[in-house]
Protein backbone atom coordinates (compact mmCIF):
# COMPACT_ATOMS: atom_id res chain seq x y z
CA UNK A 1 5.54 -34.30 4.65
CA UNK A 2 4.50 -31.76 1.71
CA UNK A 3 5.18 -28.09 1.99
CA UNK A 4 2.45 -25.50 1.25
CA UNK A 5 2.37 -21.77 0.93
CA UNK A 6 -1.54 -20.79 1.43
CA UNK A 7 -2.71 -17.13 1.17
CA UNK A 8 -6.55 -16.10 2.03
CA UNK A 9 -7.95 -12.81 1.72
CA UNK A 10 -10.68 -12.04 4.38
CA UNK A 11 -13.44 -9.26 3.70
CA UNK A 12 -12.54 -5.73 4.70
CA UNK A 13 -15.68 -5.27 7.14
CA UNK A 14 -14.04 -7.70 9.69
CA UNK A 15 -11.62 -6.46 12.38
CA UNK A 16 -7.81 -7.57 12.53
CA UNK A 17 -8.73 -9.45 15.91
CA UNK A 18 -11.33 -11.54 13.96
CA UNK A 19 -8.79 -12.16 11.22
CA UNK A 20 -6.19 -13.25 14.12
CA UNK A 21 -8.94 -15.71 15.51
CA UNK A 22 -9.84 -17.20 12.17
CA UNK A 23 -6.10 -17.70 11.44
CA UNK A 24 -5.53 -19.46 14.89
CA UNK A 25 -8.73 -21.58 14.10
CA UNK A 26 -7.06 -22.87 10.92
CA UNK A 27 -3.75 -23.64 12.68
CA UNK A 28 -5.87 -25.71 15.00
CA UNK A 29 -7.18 -27.68 11.88
CA UNK A 30 -3.79 -28.21 10.54
CA UNK A 31 -2.50 -29.43 14.06
CA UNK A 32 -5.30 -31.76 14.51
CA UNK A 33 -4.68 -33.23 11.03
CA UNK A 34 -0.78 -34.00 12.05
CA UNK A 35 0.65 -31.07 10.27
CA UNK A 36 2.42 -27.87 11.30
CA UNK A 37 2.26 -24.16 10.66
CA UNK A 38 5.88 -23.00 10.21
CA UNK A 39 4.82 -19.21 9.64
CA UNK A 40 2.02 -16.88 9.87
CA UNK A 41 2.26 -13.44 8.32
CA UNK A 42 -0.54 -10.79 8.38
CA UNK A 43 -0.07 -8.42 5.59
CA UNK A 44 -2.55 -5.97 6.56
CA UNK A 45 -5.83 -4.40 4.78
CA UNK A 46 -4.41 -4.04 1.11
CA UNK A 47 -6.15 -2.90 -2.06
CA UNK A 48 -7.57 -5.54 -4.32
CA UNK A 49 -6.49 -5.29 -7.96
CA UNK A 50 -10.12 -5.64 -9.10
CA UNK A 51 -13.49 -5.95 -7.34
CA UNK A 52 -14.18 -9.42 -5.66
CA UNK A 53 -17.66 -10.10 -4.30
CA UNK A 54 -18.18 -6.26 -4.08
CA UNK A 55 -14.99 -5.82 -2.14
CA UNK A 56 -12.18 -3.34 -3.11
CA UNK A 57 -10.07 -4.12 -0.04
CA UNK A 58 -9.08 -7.25 2.06
CA UNK A 59 -7.09 -8.44 4.89
CA UNK A 60 -4.45 -10.57 3.45
CA UNK A 61 -2.82 -13.59 5.44
CA UNK A 62 0.01 -15.92 4.46
CA UNK A 63 0.40 -19.36 6.19
CA UNK A 64 3.42 -21.54 5.50
CA UNK A 65 2.25 -25.28 5.96
CA UNK A 66 4.02 -28.38 6.59
CA UNK A 67 1.10 -30.71 6.53
CA UNK A 68 -0.37 -33.89 4.87
CA UNK A 69 -3.04 -33.20 2.10
CA UNK A 70 -6.21 -34.49 4.13
CA UNK A 71 -5.47 -31.69 6.83
CA UNK A 72 -5.05 -29.16 3.99
CA UNK A 73 -8.27 -30.22 2.17
CA UNK A 74 -10.13 -29.80 5.66
CA UNK A 75 -8.82 -26.30 6.07
CA UNK A 76 -9.76 -25.18 2.61
CA UNK A 77 -13.42 -26.94 3.00
CA UNK A 78 -13.71 -24.63 6.18
CA UNK A 79 -12.62 -21.64 4.26
CA UNK A 80 -14.97 -22.17 1.29
CA UNK A 81 -17.89 -22.30 3.99
CA UNK A 82 -16.54 -19.00 5.68
CA UNK A 83 -18.71 -16.11 4.38
CA UNK A 84 -15.76 -13.79 5.50
CA UNK A 85 -13.29 -15.26 3.10
CA UNK A 86 -13.02 -13.34 -0.32
CA UNK A 87 -10.36 -15.52 -2.02
CA UNK A 88 -7.87 -18.38 -1.29
CA UNK A 89 -4.89 -19.76 -2.96
CA UNK A 90 -2.55 -22.74 -1.97
CA UNK A 91 0.76 -23.59 -3.75
CA UNK A 92 2.76 -26.67 -3.29
CA UNK A 93 6.31 -25.66 -2.85
CA UNK A 94 9.82 -27.48 -2.63
CA UNK A 95 10.96 -25.57 0.48
CA UNK A 96 9.41 -23.02 2.79
CA UNK A 97 10.91 -19.31 2.71
CA UNK A 98 13.01 -18.62 5.86
CA UNK A 99 12.68 -14.96 7.18
CA UNK A 100 10.02 -12.48 6.06
CA UNK A 101 8.26 -12.82 2.75
CA UNK A 102 8.90 -10.45 -0.18
CA UNK A 103 5.71 -8.39 0.67
CA UNK A 104 6.78 -7.91 4.18
CA UNK A 105 10.33 -6.82 2.99
CA UNK A 106 8.80 -4.33 0.82
CA UNK A 107 6.62 -3.01 3.52
CA UNK A 108 9.78 -2.72 5.76
CA UNK A 109 11.66 -0.74 2.98
CA UNK A 110 8.80 1.46 2.65
CA UNK A 111 8.68 2.01 6.36
CA UNK A 112 12.51 2.74 6.36
CA UNK A 113 12.01 5.87 4.13
CA UNK A 114 11.43 8.27 6.83
CA UNK A 115 8.37 10.03 8.41
CA UNK A 116 5.71 10.85 6.29
CA UNK A 117 4.68 14.54 5.77
CA UNK A 118 1.91 16.12 7.91
CA UNK A 119 -1.28 17.37 6.51
CA UNK A 120 -3.18 15.19 3.96
CA UNK A 121 -5.21 16.10 0.93
CA UNK A 122 -7.06 18.77 2.79
CA UNK A 123 -3.54 20.17 3.69
CA UNK A 124 -3.79 20.24 7.32
CA UNK A 125 -3.26 23.72 9.06
CA UNK A 126 0.12 24.60 7.57
CA UNK A 127 -1.12 24.39 3.86
CA UNK A 128 -0.70 21.43 1.35
CA UNK A 129 2.93 21.04 1.75
CA UNK A 130 3.46 21.57 5.61
CA UNK A 131 4.90 24.42 7.36
CA UNK A 132 7.43 26.79 5.38
CA UNK A 133 10.94 27.17 6.74
CA UNK A 134 12.87 30.45 6.67
CA UNK A 135 16.05 29.20 5.09
CA UNK A 136 14.16 28.25 1.97
CA UNK A 137 13.71 30.85 -0.58
CA UNK A 138 10.18 31.92 -1.43
CA UNK A 139 10.51 31.81 -5.20
CA UNK A 140 13.52 31.46 -7.51
CA UNK A 141 13.75 34.84 -9.33
CA UNK A 142 14.64 34.25 -13.11
CA UNK A 143 17.64 35.96 -14.06
CA UNK A 144 17.01 39.27 -15.97
CA UNK A 145 18.12 39.14 -19.65
CA UNK A 146 20.66 42.00 -20.67
CA UNK A 147 19.01 45.01 -22.03
CA UNK A 148 19.21 45.70 -25.77
CA UNK A 149 18.75 48.92 -27.79
CA UNK A 150 15.06 47.73 -28.40
CA UNK A 151 14.23 47.69 -24.61
CA UNK A 152 15.15 51.07 -23.92
CA UNK A 153 13.21 52.57 -26.89
CA UNK A 154 9.44 53.32 -25.94
CA UNK A 155 7.17 50.75 -26.99
CA UNK A 156 4.64 51.45 -30.14
CA UNK A 157 1.64 51.27 -27.63
CA UNK A 158 3.08 53.95 -25.68
CA UNK A 159 3.98 56.13 -28.64
CA UNK A 160 0.56 55.51 -30.25
CA UNK A 161 -0.94 56.63 -26.96
CA UNK A 162 1.13 59.78 -26.76
CA UNK A 163 0.36 60.74 -30.32
CA UNK A 164 -3.45 60.59 -29.56
CA UNK A 165 -3.11 62.92 -26.55
CA UNK A 166 -1.36 65.59 -28.36
């Protein structure tokens, strides 16, 4: 049977549980048509590159399918009728990707970077950069320049002021 990668974007307004139930119903359509869903990935709520049908964000879902074309056509027909679907794309591939997709790998590498800082735009309780530790210097002092003869002489402004006071 032909292999396909199918991605759909659902409206931001629906919950992730509704997205899961929609994905399950699409899987049932494929199974009834004699196909099989090899992998399902929920990529989460992501920003769109541009506004689509007045939406700036959407729930992204990837389906790897091993199905005959009539089952795929029925699934796409159901998606076109569903008002919660913003955009779909189906690609015929030679082989399906094993393991997590590139989007999920990128998401996992971001999660491995470490804990996020406390506070947000408002800065939280401890200010915009979190609490200050005692071992960090408050400000780096600039090294003083060596004094020259001009630095030891009184400035012209001080001399002018002294001459007016006399």
